[in-house]
ModelCIF file with pLDDT and N, C-alpha, C, O atoms, coordinates in Angstrom:
data_MODEL
#
_entry.id   MODEL 
#
_entity.id                         1 
_entity.type                       polymer 
_entity.pdbx_number_of_molecules   1 
#
_entity_poly.entity_id                      1 
_entity_poly.type                           'polypeptide(L)' 
_entity_poly.nstd_linkage                   no 
_entity_poly.nstd_monomer                   no 
_entity_poly.pdbx_seq_one_letter_code       RQWHLHVLAERLDRYLENHFQQDTLSLGHLS 
_entity_poly.pdbx_seq_one_letter_code_can   RQWHLHVLAERLDRYLENHFQQDTLSLGHLS 
_entity_poly.pdbx_strand_id                 A 
#
loop_
_entity_poly_seq.entity_id 
_entity_poly_seq.num 
_entity_poly_seq.mon_id 
_entity_poly_seq.hetero 
1 1  ARG n 
1 2  GLN n 
1 3  TRP n 
1 4  HIS n 
1 5  LEU n 
1 6  HIS n 
1 7  VAL n 
1 8  LEU n 
1 9  ALA n 
1 10 GLU n 
1 11 ARG n 
1 12 LEU n 
1 13 ASP n 
1 14 ARG n 
1 15 TYR n 
1 16 LEU n 
1 17 GLU n 
1 18 ASN n 
1 19 HIS n 
1 20 PHE n 
1 21 GLN n 
1 22 GLN n 
1 23 ASP n 
1 24 THR n 
1 25 LEU n 
1 26 SER n 
1 27 LEU n 
1 28 GLY n 
1 29 HIS n 
1 30 LEU n 
1 31 SER n 
#
_struct_asym.id          A 
_struct_asym.entity_id   1 
#
loop_
_ma_qa_metric.id 
_ma_qa_metric.mode 
_ma_qa_metric.name 
_ma_qa_metric.software_group_id 
_ma_qa_metric.type 
1 global pLDDT . pLDDT 
2 local  pLDDT . pLDDT 
#
_ma_qa_metric_global.metric_id      1 
_ma_qa_metric_global.metric_value   90.68 
_ma_qa_metric_global.model_id       1 
_ma_qa_metric_global.ordinal_id     1 
#
loop_
_ma_qa_metric_local.label_asym_id 
_ma_qa_metric_local.label_comp_id 
_ma_qa_metric_local.label_seq_id 
_ma_qa_metric_local.metric_id 
_ma_qa_metric_local.metric_value 
_ma_qa_metric_local.model_id 
_ma_qa_metric_local.ordinal_id 
A ARG 1  2 70.00 1 1  
A GLN 2  2 75.00 1 2  
A TRP 3  2 79.00 1 3  
A HIS 4  2 79.00 1 4  
A LEU 5  2 83.00 1 5  
A HIS 6  2 85.00 1 6  
A VAL 7  2 88.00 1 7  
A LEU 8  2 89.00 1 8  
A ALA 9  2 91.00 1 9  
A GLU 10 2 93.00 1 10 
A ARG 11 2 94.00 1 11 
A LEU 12 2 95.00 1 12 
A ASP 13 2 95.00 1 13 
A ARG 14 2 95.00 1 14 
A TYR 15 2 96.00 1 15 
A LEU 16 2 95.00 1 16 
A GLU 17 2 96.00 1 17 
A ASN 18 2 96.00 1 18 
A HIS 19 2 96.00 1 19 
A PHE 20 2 96.00 1 20 
A GLN 21 2 96.00 1 21 
A GLN 22 2 94.00 1 22 
A ASP 23 2 90.00 1 23 
A THR 24 2 91.00 1 24 
A LEU 25 2 94.00 1 25 
A SER 26 2 94.00 1 26 
A LEU 27 2 94.00 1 27 
A GLY 28 2 94.00 1 28 
A HIS 29 2 93.00 1 29 
A LEU 30 2 93.00 1 30 
A SER 31 2 92.00 1 31 
#
loop_
_atom_site.group_PDB 
_atom_site.id 
_atom_site.type_symbol 
_atom_site.label_atom_id 
_atom_site.label_alt_id 
_atom_site.label_comp_id 
_atom_site.label_asym_id 
_atom_site.label_entity_id 
_atom_site.label_seq_id 
_atom_site.pdbx_PDB_ins_code 
_atom_site.Cartn_x 
_atom_site.Cartn_y 
_atom_site.Cartn_z 
_atom_site.occupancy 
_atom_site.B_iso_or_equiv 
_atom_site.pdbx_formal_charge 
_atom_site.auth_seq_id 
_atom_site.auth_comp_id 
_atom_site.auth_asym_id 
_atom_site.auth_atom_id 
_atom_site.pdbx_PDB_model_num 
ATOM 1   N N  . ARG A 1 1  ? -36.766 -2.887 -0.717 1.00 70.00 ? 1  ARG A N  1 
ATOM 2   C CA . ARG A 1 1  ? -36.401 -1.329 0.252  1.00 70.00 ? 1  ARG A CA 1 
ATOM 3   C C  . ARG A 1 1  ? -34.726 -1.766 0.817  1.00 70.00 ? 1  ARG A C  1 
ATOM 4   O O  . ARG A 1 1  ? -33.706 -1.082 0.901  1.00 70.00 ? 1  ARG A O  1 
ATOM 5   N N  . GLN A 1 2  ? -35.014 -3.258 1.148  1.00 75.00 ? 2  GLN A N  1 
ATOM 6   C CA . GLN A 1 2  ? -33.757 -3.672 1.861  1.00 75.00 ? 2  GLN A CA 1 
ATOM 7   C C  . GLN A 1 2  ? -32.485 -3.716 0.864  1.00 75.00 ? 2  GLN A C  1 
ATOM 8   O O  . GLN A 1 2  ? -31.367 -3.504 1.336  1.00 75.00 ? 2  GLN A O  1 
ATOM 9   N N  . TRP A 1 3  ? -32.650 -3.989 -0.510 1.00 79.00 ? 3  TRP A N  1 
ATOM 10  C CA . TRP A 1 3  ? -32.025 -4.635 -1.821 1.00 79.00 ? 3  TRP A CA 1 
ATOM 11  C C  . TRP A 1 3  ? -31.879 -3.126 -1.964 1.00 79.00 ? 3  TRP A C  1 
ATOM 12  O O  . TRP A 1 3  ? -30.684 -3.173 -2.255 1.00 79.00 ? 3  TRP A O  1 
ATOM 13  N N  . HIS A 1 4  ? -32.132 -1.926 -1.986 1.00 79.00 ? 4  HIS A N  1 
ATOM 14  C CA . HIS A 1 4  ? -31.912 -0.745 -2.306 1.00 79.00 ? 4  HIS A CA 1 
ATOM 15  C C  . HIS A 1 4  ? -30.548 -0.304 -1.394 1.00 79.00 ? 4  HIS A C  1 
ATOM 16  O O  . HIS A 1 4  ? -29.403 -0.087 -1.791 1.00 79.00 ? 4  HIS A O  1 
ATOM 17  N N  . LEU A 1 5  ? -31.098 -0.256 -0.042 1.00 83.00 ? 5  LEU A N  1 
ATOM 18  C CA . LEU A 1 5  ? -30.151 -0.062 0.669  1.00 83.00 ? 5  LEU A CA 1 
ATOM 19  C C  . LEU A 1 5  ? -29.196 -0.970 1.067  1.00 83.00 ? 5  LEU A C  1 
ATOM 20  O O  . LEU A 1 5  ? -28.405 -0.461 1.861  1.00 83.00 ? 5  LEU A O  1 
ATOM 21  N N  . HIS A 1 6  ? -28.946 -2.274 0.779  1.00 85.00 ? 6  HIS A N  1 
ATOM 22  C CA . HIS A 1 6  ? -27.632 -2.367 0.362  1.00 85.00 ? 6  HIS A CA 1 
ATOM 23  C C  . HIS A 1 6  ? -26.682 -2.590 -0.405 1.00 85.00 ? 6  HIS A C  1 
ATOM 24  O O  . HIS A 1 6  ? -25.628 -3.201 -0.231 1.00 85.00 ? 6  HIS A O  1 
ATOM 25  N N  . VAL A 1 7  ? -27.333 -1.781 -1.737 1.00 88.00 ? 7  VAL A N  1 
ATOM 26  C CA . VAL A 1 7  ? -26.413 -1.492 -3.220 1.00 88.00 ? 7  VAL A CA 1 
ATOM 27  C C  . VAL A 1 7  ? -25.917 -0.050 -2.536 1.00 88.00 ? 7  VAL A C  1 
ATOM 28  O O  . VAL A 1 7  ? -24.798 0.402  -2.778 1.00 88.00 ? 7  VAL A O  1 
ATOM 29  N N  . LEU A 1 8  ? -26.985 0.705  -1.548 1.00 89.00 ? 8  LEU A N  1 
ATOM 30  C CA . LEU A 1 8  ? -26.360 2.135  -1.286 1.00 89.00 ? 8  LEU A CA 1 
ATOM 31  C C  . LEU A 1 8  ? -25.278 2.038  -0.294 1.00 89.00 ? 8  LEU A C  1 
ATOM 32  O O  . LEU A 1 8  ? -24.606 3.038  -0.042 1.00 89.00 ? 8  LEU A O  1 
ATOM 33  N N  . ALA A 1 9  ? -25.120 1.228  0.125  1.00 91.00 ? 9  ALA A N  1 
ATOM 34  C CA . ALA A 1 9  ? -24.091 0.819  1.309  1.00 91.00 ? 9  ALA A CA 1 
ATOM 35  C C  . ALA A 1 9  ? -22.844 -0.112 0.690  1.00 91.00 ? 9  ALA A C  1 
ATOM 36  O O  . ALA A 1 9  ? -21.745 -0.014 1.235  1.00 91.00 ? 9  ALA A O  1 
ATOM 37  N N  . GLU A 1 10 ? -23.001 -0.931 -0.344 1.00 93.00 ? 10 GLU A N  1 
ATOM 38  C CA . GLU A 1 10 ? -22.198 -1.294 -1.573 1.00 93.00 ? 10 GLU A CA 1 
ATOM 39  C C  . GLU A 1 10 ? -21.942 0.284  -2.345 1.00 93.00 ? 10 GLU A C  1 
ATOM 40  O O  . GLU A 1 10 ? -20.722 0.427  -2.261 1.00 93.00 ? 10 GLU A O  1 
ATOM 41  N N  . ARG A 1 11 ? -22.389 1.251  -2.896 1.00 94.00 ? 11 ARG A N  1 
ATOM 42  C CA . ARG A 1 11 ? -21.358 2.275  -3.128 1.00 94.00 ? 11 ARG A CA 1 
ATOM 43  C C  . ARG A 1 11 ? -20.772 3.114  -2.283 1.00 94.00 ? 11 ARG A C  1 
ATOM 44  O O  . ARG A 1 11 ? -19.886 3.855  -2.711 1.00 94.00 ? 11 ARG A O  1 
ATOM 45  N N  . LEU A 1 12 ? -21.151 3.151  -0.958 1.00 95.00 ? 12 LEU A N  1 
ATOM 46  C CA . LEU A 1 12 ? -20.770 3.589  0.461  1.00 95.00 ? 12 LEU A CA 1 
ATOM 47  C C  . LEU A 1 12 ? -19.536 3.348  -0.008 1.00 95.00 ? 12 LEU A C  1 
ATOM 48  O O  . LEU A 1 12 ? -18.775 3.801  -0.863 1.00 95.00 ? 12 LEU A O  1 
ATOM 49  N N  . ASP A 1 13 ? -19.578 2.085  1.200  1.00 95.00 ? 13 ASP A N  1 
ATOM 50  C CA . ASP A 1 13 ? -18.178 1.142  0.645  1.00 95.00 ? 13 ASP A CA 1 
ATOM 51  C C  . ASP A 1 13 ? -17.084 1.205  -0.591 1.00 95.00 ? 13 ASP A C  1 
ATOM 52  O O  . ASP A 1 13 ? -15.865 1.101  -0.728 1.00 95.00 ? 13 ASP A O  1 
ATOM 53  N N  . ARG A 1 14 ? -17.845 1.356  -1.123 1.00 95.00 ? 14 ARG A N  1 
ATOM 54  C CA . ARG A 1 14 ? -16.579 1.601  -3.117 1.00 95.00 ? 14 ARG A CA 1 
ATOM 55  C C  . ARG A 1 14 ? -15.869 2.521  -2.346 1.00 95.00 ? 14 ARG A C  1 
ATOM 56  O O  . ARG A 1 14 ? -14.773 2.462  -1.789 1.00 95.00 ? 14 ARG A O  1 
ATOM 57  N N  . TYR A 1 15 ? -17.092 3.755  -2.468 1.00 96.00 ? 15 TYR A N  1 
ATOM 58  C CA . TYR A 1 15 ? -16.400 4.857  -2.467 1.00 96.00 ? 15 TYR A CA 1 
ATOM 59  C C  . TYR A 1 15 ? -15.246 4.728  -1.170 1.00 96.00 ? 15 TYR A C  1 
ATOM 60  O O  . TYR A 1 15 ? -14.148 5.163  -1.517 1.00 96.00 ? 15 TYR A O  1 
ATOM 61  N N  . LEU A 1 16 ? -15.280 4.335  -0.081 1.00 95.00 ? 16 LEU A N  1 
ATOM 62  C CA . LEU A 1 16 ? -14.291 4.548  1.030  1.00 95.00 ? 16 LEU A CA 1 
ATOM 63  C C  . LEU A 1 16 ? -12.958 3.525  -0.011 1.00 95.00 ? 16 LEU A C  1 
ATOM 64  O O  . LEU A 1 16 ? -11.975 4.056  -0.529 1.00 95.00 ? 16 LEU A O  1 
ATOM 65  N N  . GLU A 1 17 ? -13.167 2.575  -0.063 1.00 96.00 ? 17 GLU A N  1 
ATOM 66  C CA . GLU A 1 17 ? -11.834 1.993  -0.968 1.00 96.00 ? 17 GLU A CA 1 
ATOM 67  C C  . GLU A 1 17 ? -11.417 2.726  -1.787 1.00 96.00 ? 17 GLU A C  1 
ATOM 68  O O  . GLU A 1 17 ? -10.189 2.816  -1.786 1.00 96.00 ? 17 GLU A O  1 
ATOM 69  N N  . ASN A 1 18 ? -11.969 3.343  -2.556 1.00 96.00 ? 18 ASN A N  1 
ATOM 70  C CA . ASN A 1 18 ? -11.054 4.249  -3.527 1.00 96.00 ? 18 ASN A CA 1 
ATOM 71  C C  . ASN A 1 18 ? -10.859 5.706  -2.838 1.00 96.00 ? 18 ASN A C  1 
ATOM 72  O O  . ASN A 1 18 ? -10.561 6.583  -3.649 1.00 96.00 ? 18 ASN A O  1 
ATOM 73  N N  . HIS A 1 19 ? -10.970 6.106  -1.536 1.00 96.00 ? 19 HIS A N  1 
ATOM 74  C CA . HIS A 1 19 ? -10.978 7.052  -1.399 1.00 96.00 ? 19 HIS A CA 1 
ATOM 75  C C  . HIS A 1 19 ? -10.156 7.162  -0.058 1.00 96.00 ? 19 HIS A C  1 
ATOM 76  O O  . HIS A 1 19 ? -10.112 8.270  0.478  1.00 96.00 ? 19 HIS A O  1 
ATOM 77  N N  . PHE A 1 20 ? -9.388  5.916  0.624  1.00 96.00 ? 20 PHE A N  1 
ATOM 78  C CA . PHE A 1 20 ? -9.468  5.740  2.120  1.00 96.00 ? 20 PHE A CA 1 
ATOM 79  C C  . PHE A 1 20 ? -8.114  6.560  2.299  1.00 96.00 ? 20 PHE A C  1 
ATOM 80  O O  . PHE A 1 20 ? -7.946  7.227  3.319  1.00 96.00 ? 20 PHE A O  1 
ATOM 81  N N  . GLN A 1 21 ? -7.093  6.501  1.236  1.00 96.00 ? 21 GLN A N  1 
ATOM 82  C CA . GLN A 1 21 ? -5.288  7.848  1.438  1.00 96.00 ? 21 GLN A CA 1 
ATOM 83  C C  . GLN A 1 21 ? -6.098  9.288  1.911  1.00 96.00 ? 21 GLN A C  1 
ATOM 84  O O  . GLN A 1 21 ? -5.569  10.132 2.633  1.00 96.00 ? 21 GLN A O  1 
ATOM 85  N N  . GLN A 1 22 ? -7.277  9.378  1.439  1.00 94.00 ? 22 GLN A N  1 
ATOM 86  C CA . GLN A 1 22 ? -6.996  11.357 1.665  1.00 94.00 ? 22 GLN A CA 1 
ATOM 87  C C  . GLN A 1 22 ? -7.504  11.276 3.676  1.00 94.00 ? 22 GLN A C  1 
ATOM 88  O O  . GLN A 1 22 ? -8.272  10.482 4.219  1.00 94.00 ? 22 GLN A O  1 
ATOM 89  N N  . ASP A 1 23 ? -6.956  12.063 4.103  1.00 90.00 ? 23 ASP A N  1 
ATOM 90  C CA . ASP A 1 23 ? -6.613  12.235 5.636  1.00 90.00 ? 23 ASP A CA 1 
ATOM 91  C C  . ASP A 1 23 ? -7.536  13.099 6.128  1.00 90.00 ? 23 ASP A C  1 
ATOM 92  O O  . ASP A 1 23 ? -7.495  13.513 7.286  1.00 90.00 ? 23 ASP A O  1 
ATOM 93  N N  . THR A 1 24 ? -8.523  13.460 5.186  1.00 91.00 ? 24 THR A N  1 
ATOM 94  C CA . THR A 1 24 ? -9.549  14.192 5.877  1.00 91.00 ? 24 THR A CA 1 
ATOM 95  C C  . THR A 1 24 ? -11.128 12.976 5.302  1.00 91.00 ? 24 THR A C  1 
ATOM 96  O O  . THR A 1 24 ? -12.278 13.321 5.572  1.00 91.00 ? 24 THR A O  1 
ATOM 97  N N  . LEU A 1 25 ? -10.979 12.308 4.920  1.00 94.00 ? 25 LEU A N  1 
ATOM 98  C CA . LEU A 1 25 ? -11.951 11.119 5.059  1.00 94.00 ? 25 LEU A CA 1 
ATOM 99  C C  . LEU A 1 25 ? -12.685 11.362 6.017  1.00 94.00 ? 25 LEU A C  1 
ATOM 100 O O  . LEU A 1 25 ? -12.036 11.947 6.884  1.00 94.00 ? 25 LEU A O  1 
ATOM 101 N N  . SER A 1 26 ? -13.913 11.176 6.350  1.00 94.00 ? 26 SER A N  1 
ATOM 102 C CA . SER A 1 26 ? -14.967 11.278 7.812  1.00 94.00 ? 26 SER A CA 1 
ATOM 103 C C  . SER A 1 26 ? -16.196 10.993 6.932  1.00 94.00 ? 26 SER A C  1 
ATOM 104 O O  . SER A 1 26 ? -16.373 10.826 5.725  1.00 94.00 ? 26 SER A O  1 
ATOM 105 N N  . LEU A 1 27 ? -17.066 11.007 8.160  1.00 94.00 ? 27 LEU A N  1 
ATOM 106 C CA . LEU A 1 27 ? -18.747 10.115 7.776  1.00 94.00 ? 27 LEU A CA 1 
ATOM 107 C C  . LEU A 1 27 ? -19.363 11.694 7.705  1.00 94.00 ? 27 LEU A C  1 
ATOM 108 O O  . LEU A 1 27 ? -20.569 11.937 7.708  1.00 94.00 ? 27 LEU A O  1 
ATOM 109 N N  . GLY A 1 28 ? -18.295 12.715 7.640  1.00 94.00 ? 28 GLY A N  1 
ATOM 110 C CA . GLY A 1 28 ? -19.212 14.027 6.973  1.00 94.00 ? 28 GLY A CA 1 
ATOM 111 C C  . GLY A 1 28 ? -18.701 14.329 6.162  1.00 94.00 ? 28 GLY A C  1 
ATOM 112 O O  . GLY A 1 28 ? -19.287 15.302 5.689  1.00 94.00 ? 28 GLY A O  1 
ATOM 113 N N  . HIS A 1 29 ? -17.876 14.090 5.626  1.00 93.00 ? 29 HIS A N  1 
ATOM 114 C CA . HIS A 1 29 ? -17.649 14.320 4.026  1.00 93.00 ? 29 HIS A CA 1 
ATOM 115 C C  . HIS A 1 29 ? -18.503 13.054 3.134  1.00 93.00 ? 29 HIS A C  1 
ATOM 116 O O  . HIS A 1 29 ? -18.976 13.455 2.071  1.00 93.00 ? 29 HIS A O  1 
ATOM 117 N N  . LEU A 1 30 ? -18.745 11.571 3.464  1.00 93.00 ? 30 LEU A N  1 
ATOM 118 C CA . LEU A 1 30 ? -19.525 11.094 2.917  1.00 93.00 ? 30 LEU A CA 1 
ATOM 119 C C  . LEU A 1 30 ? -20.958 11.963 2.638  1.00 93.00 ? 30 LEU A C  1 
ATOM 120 O O  . LEU A 1 30 ? -21.538 12.561 1.732  1.00 93.00 ? 30 LEU A O  1 
ATOM 121 N N  . SER A 1 31 ? -21.127 11.557 4.240  1.00 92.00 ? 31 SER A N  1 
ATOM 122 C CA . SER A 1 31 ? -22.643 12.767 4.179  1.00 92.00 ? 31 SER A CA 1 
ATOM 123 C C  . SER A 1 31 ? -23.125 13.654 3.127  1.00 92.00 ? 31 SER A C  1 
ATOM 124 O O  . SER A 1 31 ? -24.127 14.344 3.312  1.00 92.00 ? 31 SER A O  1 
#
C-alpha cells in the first residue's frame, strides 16, 4: 500500500512539474 501511495504521489508531482505554468493549477484542479 505504501508503495502504491508513493507511485501516486510521484504521478501527482510529475503532473505538477508539467503543468506548473497554468495559473489556475490548484488542489481542486488535481482533485
